[in-house]
Amino acid sequence: MNNHQRIIRLQRRDSIRFDVPGDILYWTGLWGLTDRELRDAVAAVGPIAADVAAYLGQPLEGDNHGDWSQHLG
C-alpha cells in the first residue's frame, strides 16, 4: 500500500455494482483486478459476488469485513 490509501465502504457485498464507484474500487482491490477484468468476469457470470469469486478462483473475503472494506492504494 502507498500513501494514498482510502477506506471504501460497501453498502451491499452480495453483488457487484458498476454504478457505485466504491464497489468497483473494493472488488478490484480485493481481487487484484483491473476494472476491465472485473467487468469481463461480471459479464461472464453475472453480478453476484459469490459467482464472480468462484469464476476467478478467489475467496469471497467480503464476508469477513462487516460493513467496512480494506485499505486500497
PDB file of N, CA and C in Angstrom:
ATOM      1  N   MET A   1       0.837  -1.177   0.000  1.00  0.00           N
ATOM      2  CA  MET A   1       0.000   0.000   0.000  1.00  0.00           C
ATOM      3  C   MET A   1       0.881   1.239   0.000  1.00  0.00           C
ATOM      4  N   ASN A   2       0.351   2.321  -0.553  1.00  0.00           N
ATOM      5  CA  ASN A   2       1.123   3.553  -0.594  1.00  0.00           C
ATOM      6  C   ASN A   2       0.470   4.628   0.268  1.00  0.00           C
ATOM      7  N   ASN A   3       0.942   5.850   0.123  1.00  0.00           N
ATOM      8  CA  ASN A   3       0.454   6.951   0.952  1.00  0.00           C
ATOM      9  C   ASN A   3      -0.937   7.435   0.564  1.00  0.00           C
ATOM     10  N   HIS A   4      -1.496   6.920  -0.503  1.00  0.00           N
ATOM     11  CA  HIS A   4      -2.807   7.368  -0.976  1.00  0.00           C
ATOM     12  C   HIS A   4      -3.882   6.339  -0.651  1.00  0.00           C
ATOM     13  N   GLN A   5      -3.850   5.841   0.573  1.00  0.00           N
ATOM     14  CA  GLN A   5      -4.821   4.836   0.973  1.00  0.00           C
ATOM     15  C   GLN A   5      -6.186   5.465   1.199  1.00  0.00           C
ATOM     16  N   ARG A   6      -7.205   4.668   0.910  1.00  0.00           N
ATOM     17  CA  ARG A   6      -8.572   5.078   1.183  1.00  0.00           C
ATOM     18  C   ARG A   6      -9.310   3.906   1.798  1.00  0.00           C
ATOM     19  N   ILE A   7     -10.287   4.202   2.619  1.00  0.00           N
ATOM     20  CA  ILE A   7     -11.171   3.163   3.134  1.00  0.00           C
ATOM     21  C   ILE A   7     -12.480   3.294   2.384  1.00  0.00           C
ATOM     22  N   ILE A   8     -12.897   2.212   1.785  1.00  0.00           N
ATOM     23  CA  ILE A   8     -14.114   2.208   0.981  1.00  0.00           C
ATOM     24  C   ILE A   8     -15.186   1.417   1.729  1.00  0.00           C
ATOM     25  N   ARG A   9     -16.362   1.988   1.863  1.00  0.00           N
ATOM     26  CA  ARG A   9     -17.488   1.291   2.488  1.00  0.00           C
ATOM     27  C   ARG A   9     -18.371   0.708   1.408  1.00  0.00           C
ATOM     28  N   LEU A  10     -18.804  -0.489   1.633  1.00  0.00           N
ATOM     29  CA  LEU A  10     -19.747  -1.126   0.729  1.00  0.00           C
ATOM     30  C   LEU A  10     -21.119  -1.132   1.378  1.00  0.00           C
ATOM     31  N   GLN A  11     -22.112  -0.770   0.627  1.00  0.00           N
ATOM     32  CA  GLN A  11     -23.470  -0.833   1.135  1.00  0.00           C
ATOM     33  C   GLN A  11     -23.997  -2.262   1.030  1.00  0.00           C
ATOM     34  N   ARG A  12     -23.686  -2.944  -0.070  1.00  0.00           N
ATOM     35  CA  ARG A  12     -24.085  -4.335  -0.266  1.00  0.00           C
ATOM     36  C   ARG A  12     -22.875  -5.103  -0.760  1.00  0.00           C
ATOM     37  N   ARG A  13     -22.611  -6.250  -0.132  1.00  0.00           N
ATOM     38  CA  ARG A  13     -21.465  -7.035  -0.533  1.00  0.00           C
ATOM     39  C   ARG A  13     -21.862  -8.280  -1.308  1.00  0.00           C
ATOM     40  N   ASP A  14     -23.143  -8.476  -1.555  1.00  0.00           N
ATOM     41  CA  ASP A  14     -23.571  -9.681  -2.246  1.00  0.00           C
ATOM     42  C   ASP A  14     -23.565  -9.527  -3.765  1.00  0.00           C
ATOM     43  N   SER A  15     -23.478  -8.308  -4.244  1.00  0.00           N
ATOM     44  CA  SER A  15     -23.449  -8.089  -5.689  1.00  0.00           C
ATOM     45  C   SER A  15     -22.436  -7.005  -6.037  1.00  0.00           C
ATOM     46  N   ILE A  16     -22.017  -7.031  -7.290  1.00  0.00           N
ATOM     47  CA  ILE A  16     -21.032  -6.066  -7.784  1.00  0.00           C
ATOM     48  C   ILE A  16     -21.777  -5.072  -8.657  1.00  0.00           C
ATOM     49  N   ARG A  17     -21.734  -3.816  -8.250  1.00  0.00           N
ATOM     50  CA  ARG A  17     -22.486  -2.769  -8.952  1.00  0.00           C
ATOM     51  C   ARG A  17     -21.520  -1.759  -9.552  1.00  0.00           C
ATOM     52  N   PHE A  18     -21.597  -1.595 -10.845  1.00  0.00           N
ATOM     53  CA  PHE A  18     -20.695  -0.665 -11.524  1.00  0.00           C
ATOM     54  C   PHE A  18     -21.176   0.777 -11.457  1.00  0.00           C
ATOM     55  N   ASP A  19     -22.381   0.993 -10.956  1.00  0.00           N
ATOM     56  CA  ASP A  19     -22.874   2.362 -10.793  1.00  0.00           C
ATOM     57  C   ASP A  19     -22.424   2.980  -9.472  1.00  0.00           C
ATOM     58  N   VAL A  20     -21.703   2.225  -8.658  1.00  0.00           N
ATOM     59  CA  VAL A  20     -21.203   2.705  -7.375  1.00  0.00           C
ATOM     60  C   VAL A  20     -19.672   2.630  -7.403  1.00  0.00           C
ATOM     61  N   PRO A  21     -18.982   3.784  -7.523  1.00  0.00           N
ATOM     62  CA  PRO A  21     -17.518   3.764  -7.618  1.00  0.00           C
ATOM     63  C   PRO A  21     -16.831   3.020  -6.477  1.00  0.00           C
ATOM     64  N   GLY A  22     -17.354   3.110  -5.277  1.00  0.00           N
ATOM     65  CA  GLY A  22     -16.760   2.410  -4.149  1.00  0.00           C
ATOM     66  C   GLY A  22     -16.774   0.902  -4.325  1.00  0.00           C
ATOM     67  N   ASP A  23     -17.821   0.381  -4.952  1.00  0.00           N
ATOM     68  CA  ASP A  23     -17.888  -1.055  -5.215  1.00  0.00           C
ATOM     69  C   ASP A  23     -16.771  -1.477  -6.162  1.00  0.00           C
ATOM     70  N   ILE A  24     -16.562  -0.736  -7.198  1.00  0.00           N
ATOM     71  CA  ILE A  24     -15.526  -1.074  -8.180  1.00  0.00           C
ATOM     72  C   ILE A  24     -14.158  -1.069  -7.507  1.00  0.00           C
ATOM     73  N   LEU A  25     -13.875  -0.038  -6.716  1.00  0.00           N
ATOM     74  CA  LEU A  25     -12.596   0.037  -6.010  1.00  0.00           C
ATOM     75  C   LEU A  25     -12.417  -1.116  -5.032  1.00  0.00           C
ATOM     76  N   TYR A  26     -13.480  -1.449  -4.329  1.00  0.00           N
ATOM     77  CA  TYR A  26     -13.401  -2.537  -3.366  1.00  0.00           C
ATOM     78  C   TYR A  26     -13.074  -3.867  -4.045  1.00  0.00           C
ATOM     79  N   TRP A  27     -13.866  -4.247  -5.032  1.00  0.00           N
ATOM     80  CA  TRP A  27     -13.698  -5.563  -5.653  1.00  0.00           C
ATOM     81  C   TRP A  27     -12.405  -5.653  -6.460  1.00  0.00           C
ATOM     82  N   THR A  28     -12.033  -4.614  -7.178  1.00  0.00           N
ATOM     83  CA  THR A  28     -10.767  -4.677  -7.918  1.00  0.00           C
ATOM     84  C   THR A  28      -9.593  -4.747  -6.958  1.00  0.00           C
ATOM     85  N   GLY A  29      -9.666  -4.023  -5.842  1.00  0.00           N
ATOM     86  CA  GLY A  29      -8.609  -4.069  -4.849  1.00  0.00           C
ATOM     87  C   GLY A  29      -8.535  -5.401  -4.128  1.00  0.00           C
ATOM     88  N   LEU A  30      -9.686  -5.955  -3.782  1.00  0.00           N
ATOM     89  CA  LEU A  30      -9.739  -7.227  -3.080  1.00  0.00           C
ATOM     90  C   LEU A  30      -9.132  -8.346  -3.913  1.00  0.00           C
ATOM     91  N   TRP A  31      -9.460  -8.367  -5.200  1.00  0.00           N
ATOM     92  CA  TRP A  31      -9.023  -9.466  -6.057  1.00  0.00           C
ATOM     93  C   TRP A  31      -7.836  -9.108  -6.939  1.00  0.00           C
ATOM     94  N   GLY A  32      -7.303  -7.896  -6.849  1.00  0.00           N
ATOM     95  CA  GLY A  32      -6.143  -7.515  -7.646  1.00  0.00           C
ATOM     96  C   GLY A  32      -6.436  -7.480  -9.137  1.00  0.00           C
ATOM     97  N   LEU A  33      -7.587  -6.951  -9.493  1.00  0.00           N
ATOM     98  CA  LEU A  33      -8.027  -6.901 -10.887  1.00  0.00           C
ATOM     99  C   LEU A  33      -8.033  -5.479 -11.412  1.00  0.00           C
ATOM    100  N   THR A  34      -8.013  -5.361 -12.717  1.00  0.00           N
ATOM    101  CA  THR A  34      -8.292  -4.075 -13.343  1.00  0.00           C
ATOM    102  C   THR A  34      -9.800  -3.935 -13.463  1.00  0.00           C
ATOM    103  N   ASP A  35     -10.251  -2.740 -13.726  1.00  0.00           N
ATOM    104  CA  ASP A  35     -11.674  -2.504 -13.956  1.00  0.00           C
ATOM    105  C   ASP A  35     -12.176  -3.395 -15.099  1.00  0.00           C
ATOM    106  N   ARG A  36     -11.415  -3.483 -16.162  1.00  0.00           N
ATOM    107  CA  ARG A  36     -11.808  -4.289 -17.323  1.00  0.00           C
ATOM    108  C   ARG A  36     -11.914  -5.766 -16.965  1.00  0.00           C
ATOM    109  N   GLU A  37     -10.970  -6.282 -16.187  1.00  0.00           N
ATOM    110  CA  GLU A  37     -11.020  -7.690 -15.782  1.00  0.00           C
ATOM    111  C   GLU A  37     -12.257  -7.974 -14.931  1.00  0.00           C
ATOM    112  N   LEU A  38     -12.583  -7.053 -14.037  1.00  0.00           N
ATOM    113  CA  LEU A  38     -13.782  -7.214 -13.221  1.00  0.00           C
ATOM    114  C   LEU A  38     -15.030  -7.192 -14.097  1.00  0.00           C
ATOM    115  N   ARG A  39     -15.097  -6.249 -15.019  1.00  0.00           N
ATOM    116  CA  ARG A  39     -16.251  -6.168 -15.923  1.00  0.00           C
ATOM    117  C   ARG A  39     -16.388  -7.426 -16.773  1.00  0.00           C
ATOM    118  N   ASP A  40     -15.269  -7.968 -17.241  1.00  0.00           N
ATOM    119  CA  ASP A  40     -15.312  -9.198 -18.033  1.00  0.00           C
ATOM    120  C   ASP A  40     -15.828 -10.376 -17.206  1.00  0.00           C
ATOM    121  N   ALA A  41     -15.387 -10.460 -15.960  1.00  0.00           N
ATOM    122  CA  ALA A  41     -15.843 -11.541 -15.081  1.00  0.00           C
ATOM    123  C   ALA A  41     -17.342 -11.425 -14.815  1.00  0.00           C
ATOM    124  N   VAL A  42     -17.810 -10.207 -14.549  1.00  0.00           N
ATOM    125  CA  VAL A  42     -19.238  -9.994 -14.312  1.00  0.00           C
ATOM    126  C   VAL A  42     -20.038 -10.300 -15.577  1.00  0.00           C
ATOM    127  N   ALA A  43     -19.507  -9.947 -16.732  1.00  0.00           N
ATOM    128  CA  ALA A  43     -20.196 -10.261 -17.995  1.00  0.00           C
ATOM    129  C   ALA A  43     -20.298 -11.775 -18.195  1.00  0.00           C
ATOM    130  N   ALA A  44     -19.300 -12.506 -17.714  1.00  0.00           N
ATOM    131  CA  ALA A  44     -19.279 -13.959 -17.896  1.00  0.00           C
ATOM    132  C   ALA A  44     -20.254 -14.688 -16.977  1.00  0.00           C
ATOM    133  N   VAL A  45     -20.372 -14.228 -15.720  1.00  0.00           N
ATOM    134  CA  VAL A  45     -21.169 -14.997 -14.753  1.00  0.00           C
ATOM    135  C   VAL A  45     -22.263 -14.202 -14.051  1.00  0.00           C
ATOM    136  N   GLY A  46     -22.344 -12.913 -14.296  1.00  0.00           N
ATOM    137  CA  GLY A  46     -23.354 -12.091 -13.639  1.00  0.00           C
ATOM    138  C   GLY A  46     -22.785 -11.346 -12.446  1.00  0.00           C
ATOM    139  N   PRO A  47     -23.592 -10.489 -11.809  1.00  0.00           N
ATOM    140  CA  PRO A  47     -23.095  -9.585 -10.770  1.00  0.00           C
ATOM    141  C   PRO A  47     -23.060 -10.141  -9.349  1.00  0.00           C
ATOM    142  N   ILE A  48     -23.455 -11.388  -9.156  1.00  0.00           N
ATOM    143  CA  ILE A  48     -23.443 -11.948  -7.804  1.00  0.00           C
ATOM    144  C   ILE A  48     -21.991 -12.185  -7.381  1.00  0.00           C
ATOM    145  N   ALA A  49     -21.589 -11.557  -6.287  1.00  0.00           N
ATOM    146  CA  ALA A  49     -20.188 -11.579  -5.858  1.00  0.00           C
ATOM    147  C   ALA A  49     -19.661 -13.001  -5.657  1.00  0.00           C
ATOM    148  N   ALA A  50     -20.461 -13.882  -5.084  1.00  0.00           N
ATOM    149  CA  ALA A  50     -20.009 -15.261  -4.851  1.00  0.00           C
ATOM    150  C   ALA A  50     -19.730 -15.971  -6.172  1.00  0.00           C
ATOM    151  N   ASP A  51     -20.553 -15.707  -7.194  1.00  0.00           N
ATOM    152  CA  ASP A  51     -20.346 -16.319  -8.509  1.00  0.00           C
ATOM    153  C   ASP A  51     -19.073 -15.799  -9.162  1.00  0.00           C
ATOM    154  N   VAL A  52     -18.836 -14.497  -9.036  1.00  0.00           N
ATOM    155  CA  VAL A  52     -17.633 -13.893  -9.617  1.00  0.00           C
ATOM    156  C   VAL A  52     -16.390 -14.424  -8.896  1.00  0.00           C
ATOM    157  N   ALA A  53     -16.454 -14.519  -7.566  1.00  0.00           N
ATOM    158  CA  ALA A  53     -15.322 -15.048  -6.803  1.00  0.00           C
ATOM    159  C   ALA A  53     -14.996 -16.471  -7.243  1.00  0.00           C
ATOM    160  N   ALA A  54     -16.012 -17.302  -7.394  1.00  0.00           N
ATOM    161  CA  ALA A  54     -15.794 -18.687  -7.830  1.00  0.00           C
ATOM    162  C   ALA A  54     -15.210 -18.727  -9.237  1.00  0.00           C
ATOM    163  N   TYR A  55     -15.728 -17.901 -10.124  1.00  0.00           N
ATOM    164  CA  TYR A  55     -15.231 -17.831 -11.503  1.00  0.00           C
ATOM    165  C   TYR A  55     -13.758 -17.438 -11.541  1.00  0.00           C
ATOM    166  N   LEU A  56     -13.381 -16.509 -10.666  1.00  0.00           N
ATOM    167  CA  LEU A  56     -11.997 -16.026 -10.614  1.00  0.00           C
ATOM    168  C   LEU A  56     -11.088 -16.927  -9.776  1.00  0.00           C
ATOM    169  N   GLY A  57     -11.680 -17.856  -9.032  1.00  0.00           N
ATOM    170  CA  GLY A  57     -10.882 -18.676  -8.134  1.00  0.00           C
ATOM    171  C   GLY A  57     -10.352 -17.889  -6.948  1.00  0.00           C
ATOM    172  N   GLN A  58     -11.126 -16.903  -6.523  1.00  0.00           N
ATOM    173  CA  GLN A  58     -10.737 -16.018  -5.424  1.00  0.00           C
ATOM    174  C   GLN A  58     -11.682 -16.226  -4.245  1.00  0.00           C
ATOM    175  N   PRO A  59     -11.199 -15.981  -3.025  1.00  0.00           N
ATOM    176  CA  PRO A  59     -12.090 -16.074  -1.869  1.00  0.00           C
ATOM    177  C   PRO A  59     -13.055 -14.899  -1.848  1.00  0.00           C
ATOM    178  N   LEU A  60     -14.196 -15.126  -1.279  1.00  0.00           N
ATOM    179  CA  LEU A  60     -15.165 -14.043  -1.090  1.00  0.00           C
ATOM    180  C   LEU A  60     -14.921 -13.472   0.296  1.00  0.00           C
ATOM    181  N   GLU A  61     -13.847 -12.697   0.426  1.00  0.00           N
ATOM    182  CA  GLU A  61     -13.428 -12.192   1.724  1.00  0.00           C
ATOM    183  C   GLU A  61     -14.364 -11.150   2.290  1.00  0.00           C
ATOM    184  N   GLY A  62     -15.250 -10.603   1.479  1.00  0.00           N
ATOM    185  CA  GLY A  62     -16.173  -9.588   1.961  1.00  0.00           C
ATOM    186  C   GLY A  62     -16.983 -10.045   3.151  1.00  0.00           C
ATOM    187  N   ASP A  63     -17.182 -11.371   3.276  1.00  0.00           N
ATOM    188  CA  ASP A  63     -17.956 -11.878   4.401  1.00  0.00           C
ATOM    189  C   ASP A  63     -17.277 -11.634   5.739  1.00  0.00           C
ATOM    190  N   ASN A  64     -15.985 -11.367   5.734  1.00  0.00           N
ATOM    191  CA  ASN A  64     -15.244 -11.173   6.974  1.00  0.00           C
ATOM    192  C   ASN A  64     -15.096  -9.707   7.365  1.00  0.00           C
ATOM    193  N   HIS A  65     -15.617  -8.779   6.575  1.00  0.00           N
ATOM    194  CA  HIS A  65     -15.320  -7.366   6.795  1.00  0.00           C
ATOM    195  C   HIS A  65     -16.399  -6.589   7.525  1.00  0.00           C
ATOM    196  N   GLY A  66     -17.492  -7.199   7.911  1.00  0.00           N
ATOM    197  CA  GLY A  66     -18.555  -6.403   8.500  1.00  0.00           C
ATOM    198  C   GLY A  66     -19.049  -5.405   7.478  1.00  0.00           C
ATOM    199  N   ASP A  67     -19.129  -4.133   7.851  1.00  0.00           N
ATOM    200  CA  ASP A  67     -19.579  -3.142   6.872  1.00  0.00           C
ATOM    201  C   ASP A  67     -18.433  -2.245   6.400  1.00  0.00           C
ATOM    202  N   TRP A  68     -17.200  -2.664   6.595  1.00  0.00           N
ATOM    203  CA  TRP A  68     -16.069  -1.882   6.108  1.00  0.00           C
ATOM    204  C   TRP A  68     -15.281  -2.719   5.133  1.00  0.00           C
ATOM    205  N   SER A  69     -14.527  -2.064   4.318  1.00  0.00           N
ATOM    206  CA  SER A  69     -13.691  -2.787   3.371  1.00  0.00           C
ATOM    207  C   SER A  69     -12.253  -2.718   3.829  1.00  0.00           C
ATOM    208  N   GLN A  70     -11.373  -2.910   2.902  1.00  0.00           N
ATOM    209  CA  GLN A  70      -9.961  -2.856   3.215  1.00  0.00           C
ATOM    210  C   GLN A  70      -9.351  -1.587   2.654  1.00  0.00           C
ATOM    211  N   HIS A  71      -8.137  -1.348   3.029  1.00  0.00           N
ATOM    212  CA  HIS A  71      -7.416  -0.176   2.541  1.00  0.00           C
ATOM    213  C   HIS A  71      -6.947  -0.430   1.121  1.00  0.00           C
ATOM    214  N   LEU A  72      -7.146   0.547   0.274  1.00  0.00           N
ATOM    215  CA  LEU A  72      -6.711   0.433  -1.120  1.00  0.00           C
ATOM    216  C   LEU A  72      -5.683   1.513  -1.408  1.00  0.00           C
ATOM    217  N   GLY A  73      -4.712   1.185  -2.237  1.00  0.00           N
ATOM    218  CA  GLY A  73      -3.694   2.166  -2.592  1.00  0.00           C
ATOM    219  C   GLY A  73      -4.027   2.926  -3.819  1.00  0.00           C
TER     220      GLY A  73
END
